Amino acid sequence: MPHKLDLVIDSKADLGEGPVWDSEEDVLYWVNITAGEVHIYDPATRSDRVINVGQQVGTVVPRKSGGLALALHHGFAFLDLATEELTMIADPESGLPDCRFNDGKCDPSGRFWAGTYAPDGPRGISSLYRLDADLSVHRMLTGISCSNGIAWSLDHRVMYYIDTPTGKVEAFDYDMATGAVADRRTVVHVPPDSGHPDGMTIDAEGMLWVAMWGGWGVVRYDPRTDRTLDHIDVPVAQTSSCAFGGPDLRDLYITTARRNRTEAQLRDEPLAGGLFVARPGPQGIAASAFAG
């Protein structure tokens, strides 16, 4: 049976991305990358506060000490929500001006993982980084083309990761104590006609929900068997990411984009760039905040 999907905000974002639910504040953070906007959506009031940070913003995570941690075009930063003041922390790719940070999340220990992407550059020049609580930055993977979805298994022993052009979800053994990863392997193969795997989240049953760029929806996979379990149809081709939220963590928020769509395509996708929500059944897990 098709899932009911509701439009939350007809935001017409050029490149909506990076949704994450803050269980302490009961709000959803998300970004419009190319516009440099951090959005704070409060479902209780249906308000969407927008903060422009002055450069492209790839992803956002809550910070345990207050405010937000961001991965921007020019590196990691903190955002004070009271003053809207931005504090830059580190720019590990200052020598690669065409690269910008893209998707990312915090691991269960509060380390902030985020990778880069060069929209107009060659494939394989980007990387995946880890920002630790002491603000040290570590390059964890190289040879990346478009760093995207990331999630951790329920027992915290596996890290799942998407480099979009590969058309697959990969897994690594994950060391909770050190943040090290090892034994890279493929756990989900995405058929080319299904779209390109983009943002990702995990539910309380250990299943992965992957937004399909160019695929008109979100797909649920079992990473243990590579089986497709469910699908949420979205009336937008460029479905970019998803995150569970709401008081019971059963609302699946879905970001979309209208970037590079023609006028004719946008006539067929009038809600492109909107923020959507569905209740597909499974419960999500609470997002981790940055420990620094």
Protein backbone atom coordinates (compact mmCIF):
# COMPACT_ATOMS: atom_id res chain seq x y z
CA MET A 1 0.00 0.00 0.00
CA PRO A 2 1.38 3.45 -0.91
CA HIS A 3 2.47 5.60 2.01
CA LYS A 4 0.69 8.87 2.73
CA LEU A 5 3.04 11.78 2.13
CA ASP A 6 2.41 15.34 3.31
CA LEU A 7 4.07 18.55 2.21
CA VAL A 8 5.49 20.28 5.29
CA ILE A 9 6.92 23.39 3.64
CA ASP A 10 6.68 24.44 0.01
CA SER A 11 10.16 25.88 0.38
CA LYS A 12 11.27 25.53 -3.25
CA ALA A 13 14.81 24.97 -2.00
CA ASP A 14 17.44 24.85 -4.70
CA LEU A 15 19.21 22.03 -2.85
CA GLY A 16 17.43 20.94 0.32
CA GLU A 17 19.52 18.49 2.34
CA GLY A 18 20.82 17.33 5.73
CA PRO A 19 17.68 16.85 7.89
CA VAL A 20 18.32 15.93 11.53
CA TRP A 21 15.86 15.84 14.42
CA ASP A 22 16.84 17.44 17.74
CA SER A 23 15.07 15.35 20.39
CA GLU A 24 15.93 17.88 23.12
CA GLU A 25 14.33 20.83 21.33
CA ASP A 26 11.73 18.93 19.27
CA VAL A 27 12.75 20.68 16.07
CA LEU A 28 14.10 19.61 12.70
CA TYR A 29 17.28 21.16 11.35
CA TRP A 30 17.85 21.05 7.59
CA VAL A 31 19.80 23.04 5.02
CA ASN A 32 19.45 24.63 1.60
CA ILE A 33 23.03 24.05 0.52
CA THR A 34 23.58 26.50 -2.33
CA ALA A 35 21.63 29.30 -0.62
CA GLY A 36 23.78 29.01 2.52
CA GLU A 37 20.68 28.55 4.67
CA VAL A 38 20.23 26.66 7.92
CA HIS A 39 16.53 25.96 8.58
CA ILE A 40 14.95 25.22 11.96
CA TYR A 41 11.48 23.75 11.55
CA ASP A 42 9.20 23.57 14.59
CA PRO A 43 6.23 21.26 13.89
CA ALA A 44 4.40 22.52 16.98
CA THR A 45 4.13 26.02 15.53
CA ARG A 46 4.69 25.12 11.85
CA SER A 47 7.37 27.81 11.77
CA ASP A 48 10.59 27.56 9.80
CA ARG A 49 13.35 29.87 10.99
CA VAL A 50 16.07 30.56 8.41
CA ILE A 51 19.64 31.60 9.20
CA ASN A 52 21.93 32.53 6.30
CA VAL A 53 25.52 31.63 7.15
CA GLY A 54 27.15 33.38 4.20
CA GLN A 55 28.51 30.33 2.39
CA GLN A 56 27.27 26.98 1.16
CA VAL A 57 26.31 24.66 4.02
CA GLY A 58 26.42 20.91 3.49
CA THR A 59 25.01 19.60 6.74
CA VAL A 60 24.09 20.48 10.30
CA VAL A 61 24.10 18.64 13.65
CA PRO A 62 23.07 19.69 17.17
CA ARG A 63 25.87 20.40 19.64
CA LYS A 64 25.75 19.10 23.23
CA SER A 65 27.04 22.39 24.64
CA GLY A 66 24.39 24.36 22.74
CA GLY A 67 23.95 25.66 19.24
CA LEU A 68 24.87 23.78 16.10
CA ALA A 69 27.91 22.36 14.38
CA LEU A 70 28.05 22.80 10.61
CA ALA A 71 30.03 21.50 7.67
CA LEU A 72 30.35 24.40 5.23
CA HIS A 73 31.99 25.10 1.89
CA HIS A 74 35.08 26.24 3.78
CA GLY A 75 35.19 23.73 6.61
CA PHE A 76 33.72 22.98 10.02
CA ALA A 77 32.06 25.71 12.09
CA PHE A 78 29.85 26.39 15.11
CA LEU A 79 26.65 28.43 14.94
CA ASP A 80 25.26 30.27 17.96
CA LEU A 81 21.49 30.20 17.60
CA ALA A 82 20.93 33.17 19.92
CA THR A 83 23.29 35.58 18.14
CA GLU A 84 23.48 33.78 14.75
CA GLU A 85 27.25 34.20 15.03
CA LEU A 86 29.37 31.78 13.03
CA THR A 87 32.72 30.55 14.38
CA MET A 88 35.01 28.72 11.95
CA ILE A 89 36.86 25.71 13.39
CA ALA A 90 38.92 24.07 10.66
CA ASP A 91 39.19 24.01 6.86
CA PRO A 92 40.88 20.74 5.90
CA GLU A 93 40.48 21.39 2.16
CA SER A 94 41.65 24.99 1.94
CA GLY A 95 43.84 23.97 -0.98
CA LEU A 96 40.87 22.60 -2.93
CA PRO A 97 38.63 25.64 -3.53
CA ASP A 98 36.29 23.72 -5.84
CA CYS A 99 35.43 21.25 -3.09
CA ARG A 100 32.72 21.92 -0.55
CA PHE A 101 31.43 19.91 2.38
CA ASN A 102 28.34 17.86 1.71
CA ASP A 103 26.43 15.38 3.88
CA GLY A 104 27.39 14.16 7.36
CA LYS A 105 26.28 13.15 10.86
CA CYS A 106 27.57 12.53 14.36
CA ASP A 107 28.53 9.01 15.39
CA PRO A 108 27.25 7.53 18.67
CA SER A 109 30.27 8.93 20.52
CA GLY A 110 29.60 12.48 19.33
CA ARG A 111 32.26 12.71 16.64
CA PHE A 112 31.15 14.75 13.61
CA TRP A 113 31.68 12.96 10.29
CA ALA A 114 31.28 14.89 7.03
CA GLY A 115 32.60 14.49 3.52
CA THR A 116 33.29 16.71 0.55
CA TYR A 117 32.19 17.05 -3.06
CA ALA A 118 33.53 18.96 -6.06
CA PRO A 119 30.45 19.69 -8.22
CA ASP A 120 32.53 20.87 -11.18
CA GLY A 121 35.69 18.88 -10.50
CA PRO A 122 36.89 15.41 -11.45
CA ARG A 123 35.74 12.35 -9.57
CA GLY A 124 37.83 10.92 -6.77
CA ILE A 125 39.33 14.14 -5.36
CA SER A 126 37.09 14.39 -2.29
CA SER A 127 37.39 12.87 1.19
CA LEU A 128 35.51 11.88 4.32
CA TYR A 129 36.57 13.64 7.54
CA ARG A 130 36.00 13.18 11.26
CA LEU A 131 35.89 16.13 13.67
CA ASP A 132 36.55 14.97 17.23
CA ALA A 133 35.38 16.62 20.45
CA ASP A 134 38.85 18.15 20.94
CA LEU A 135 38.35 19.84 17.51
CA SER A 136 41.06 17.76 15.83
CA VAL A 137 40.26 16.81 12.23
CA HIS A 138 41.07 13.42 10.73
CA ARG A 139 40.88 12.41 7.06
CA MET A 140 39.25 8.97 7.18
CA LEU A 141 38.67 8.14 3.51
CA THR A 142 40.17 9.47 0.27
CA GLY A 143 39.30 8.95 -3.39
CA ILE A 144 35.68 9.96 -2.78
CA SER A 145 33.58 11.52 -5.56
CA CYS A 146 30.41 12.72 -3.81
CA SER A 147 30.31 12.02 -0.08
CA ASN A 148 26.75 11.50 1.07
CA GLY A 149 24.69 9.39 3.48
CA ILE A 150 26.18 7.99 6.67
CA ALA A 151 24.71 5.97 9.56
CA TRP A 152 25.72 3.56 12.33
CA SER A 153 24.28 0.18 13.21
CA LEU A 154 22.23 -0.26 16.36
CA ASP A 155 25.11 -2.04 18.15
CA HIS A 156 27.53 0.70 16.95
CA ARG A 157 29.84 -1.86 15.38
CA VAL A 158 29.18 -0.95 11.75
CA MET A 159 29.31 2.35 9.88
CA TYR A 160 27.28 2.60 6.67
CA TYR A 161 28.39 5.06 4.01
CA ILE A 162 27.41 6.30 0.54
CA ASP A 163 29.67 7.74 -2.14
CA THR A 164 26.84 8.50 -4.55
CA PRO A 165 28.41 7.75 -7.98
CA THR A 166 29.31 4.22 -6.86
CA GLY A 167 25.61 3.30 -6.76
CA LYS A 168 25.92 1.36 -3.52
CA VAL A 169 25.89 1.48 0.26
CA GLU A 170 29.14 0.37 1.84
CA ALA A 171 29.84 -0.84 5.36
CA PHE A 172 32.89 -0.63 7.63
CA ASP A 173 33.75 -2.21 10.93
CA TYR A 174 33.54 0.68 13.39
CA ASP A 175 35.58 1.06 16.60
CA MET A 176 33.43 2.96 19.11
CA ALA A 177 36.42 3.77 21.34
CA THR A 178 38.68 5.27 18.69
CA GLY A 179 36.43 6.13 15.74
CA ALA A 180 38.53 3.97 13.43
CA VAL A 181 36.98 2.15 10.46
CA ALA A 182 38.12 -1.01 8.68
CA ASP A 183 37.07 -3.85 6.35
CA ARG A 184 35.25 -1.90 3.64
CA ARG A 185 32.56 -3.91 1.81
CA THR A 186 29.32 -3.42 -0.13
CA VAL A 187 26.01 -4.23 1.58
CA VAL A 188 23.45 -2.64 -0.78
CA HIS A 189 23.60 -2.55 -4.58
CA VAL A 190 21.30 0.09 -6.07
CA PRO A 191 20.06 -0.69 -9.60
CA PRO A 192 20.88 2.17 -12.02
CA ASP A 193 17.20 2.64 -12.91
CA SER A 194 16.33 3.26 -9.24
CA GLY A 195 18.21 6.56 -9.05
CA HIS A 196 21.41 7.50 -7.23
CA PRO A 197 21.76 6.83 -3.48
CA ASP A 198 22.00 10.11 -1.59
CA GLY A 199 21.18 10.85 2.07
CA MET A 200 20.41 8.01 4.47
CA THR A 201 19.09 7.18 7.92
CA ILE A 202 18.58 4.03 9.98
CA ASP A 203 15.50 2.83 11.86
CA ALA A 204 15.11 1.01 15.19
CA GLU A 205 15.00 -2.32 13.35
CA GLY A 206 18.44 -1.72 11.84
CA MET A 207 17.11 -1.10 8.32
CA LEU A 208 18.42 1.68 6.09
CA TRP A 209 16.27 4.35 4.43
CA VAL A 210 18.01 5.85 1.40
CA ALA A 211 16.86 8.91 -0.55
CA MET A 212 17.19 8.38 -4.29
CA TRP A 213 18.46 11.35 -6.28
CA GLY A 214 16.69 11.08 -9.63
CA GLY A 215 14.66 8.19 -8.26
CA TRP A 216 11.45 9.91 -7.08
CA GLY A 217 11.47 8.47 -3.60
CA VAL A 218 13.02 6.87 -0.54
CA VAL A 219 13.84 3.15 -0.39
CA ARG A 220 14.14 0.93 2.69
CA TYR A 221 16.89 -1.72 2.52
CA ASP A 222 18.01 -4.59 4.72
CA PRO A 223 21.83 -4.19 4.85
CA ARG A 224 22.21 -7.80 6.00
CA THR A 225 20.60 -9.29 2.89
CA ASP A 226 20.69 -6.48 0.28
CA ARG A 227 16.89 -6.80 0.00
CA THR A 228 14.53 -3.94 -0.84
CA LEU A 229 11.83 -3.81 1.85
CA ASP A 230 9.76 -0.70 1.22
CA HIS A 231 9.45 2.41 -0.92
CA ILE A 232 8.01 5.88 -0.36
CA ASP A 233 6.97 7.67 -3.55
CA VAL A 234 7.83 11.37 -3.60
CA PRO A 235 6.47 13.71 -6.34
CA VAL A 236 9.97 15.12 -6.88
CA ALA A 237 12.74 13.46 -8.88
CA GLN A 238 15.62 14.81 -6.81
CA THR A 239 14.92 13.30 -3.40
CA SER A 240 18.01 14.18 -1.39
CA SER A 241 17.86 12.94 2.22
CA CYS A 242 15.65 11.74 5.07
CA ALA A 243 15.56 11.63 8.88
CA PHE A 244 13.18 10.30 11.50
CA GLY A 245 11.69 12.85 13.88
CA GLY A 246 8.65 13.83 15.88
CA PRO A 247 7.92 13.01 19.54
CA ASP A 248 7.78 9.28 18.80
CA LEU A 249 10.50 9.31 16.10
CA ARG A 250 8.07 7.84 13.56
CA ASP A 251 7.80 10.85 11.24
CA LEU A 252 10.17 10.47 8.30
CA TYR A 253 11.13 13.93 7.05
CA ILE A 254 12.31 14.05 3.44
CA THR A 255 14.25 16.86 1.74
CA THR A 256 14.20 17.50 -2.01
CA ALA A 257 15.78 19.81 -4.59
CA ARG A 258 14.95 21.72 -7.74
CA ARG A 259 18.57 22.31 -8.77
CA ASN A 260 19.27 22.00 -12.52
CA ARG A 261 15.67 21.09 -13.35
CA THR A 262 14.33 22.65 -16.54
CA GLU A 263 11.21 24.80 -16.65
CA ALA A 264 9.35 21.92 -18.28
CA GLN A 265 10.47 19.52 -15.56
CA LEU A 266 9.46 21.95 -12.83
CA ARG A 267 5.99 22.24 -14.34
CA ASP A 268 5.69 18.50 -13.73
CA GLU A 269 7.29 18.85 -10.27
CA PRO A 270 5.73 21.99 -8.78
CA LEU A 271 6.69 20.88 -5.25
CA ALA A 272 10.37 20.36 -6.07
CA GLY A 273 12.54 21.71 -3.27
CA GLY A 274 9.83 21.11 -0.68
CA LEU A 275 10.15 19.43 2.71
CA PHE A 276 7.88 16.39 3.10
CA VAL A 277 6.90 13.99 5.87
CA ALA A 278 5.58 10.42 5.93
CA ARG A 279 4.81 7.88 8.67
CA PRO A 280 6.03 4.61 7.16
CA GLY A 281 5.67 2.57 10.36
CA PRO A 282 9.09 1.82 11.87
CA GLN A 283 10.50 4.04 14.58
CA GLY A 284 13.76 5.88 14.11
CA ILE A 285 16.57 6.34 16.61
CA ALA A 286 17.62 9.59 18.24
CA ALA A 287 20.36 11.51 16.44
CA SER A 288 23.66 11.97 18.24
CA ALA A 289 24.89 15.47 19.02
CA PHE A 290 28.44 16.74 18.56
CA ALA A 291 30.35 16.26 21.81
CA GLY A 292 32.69 19.23 21.38
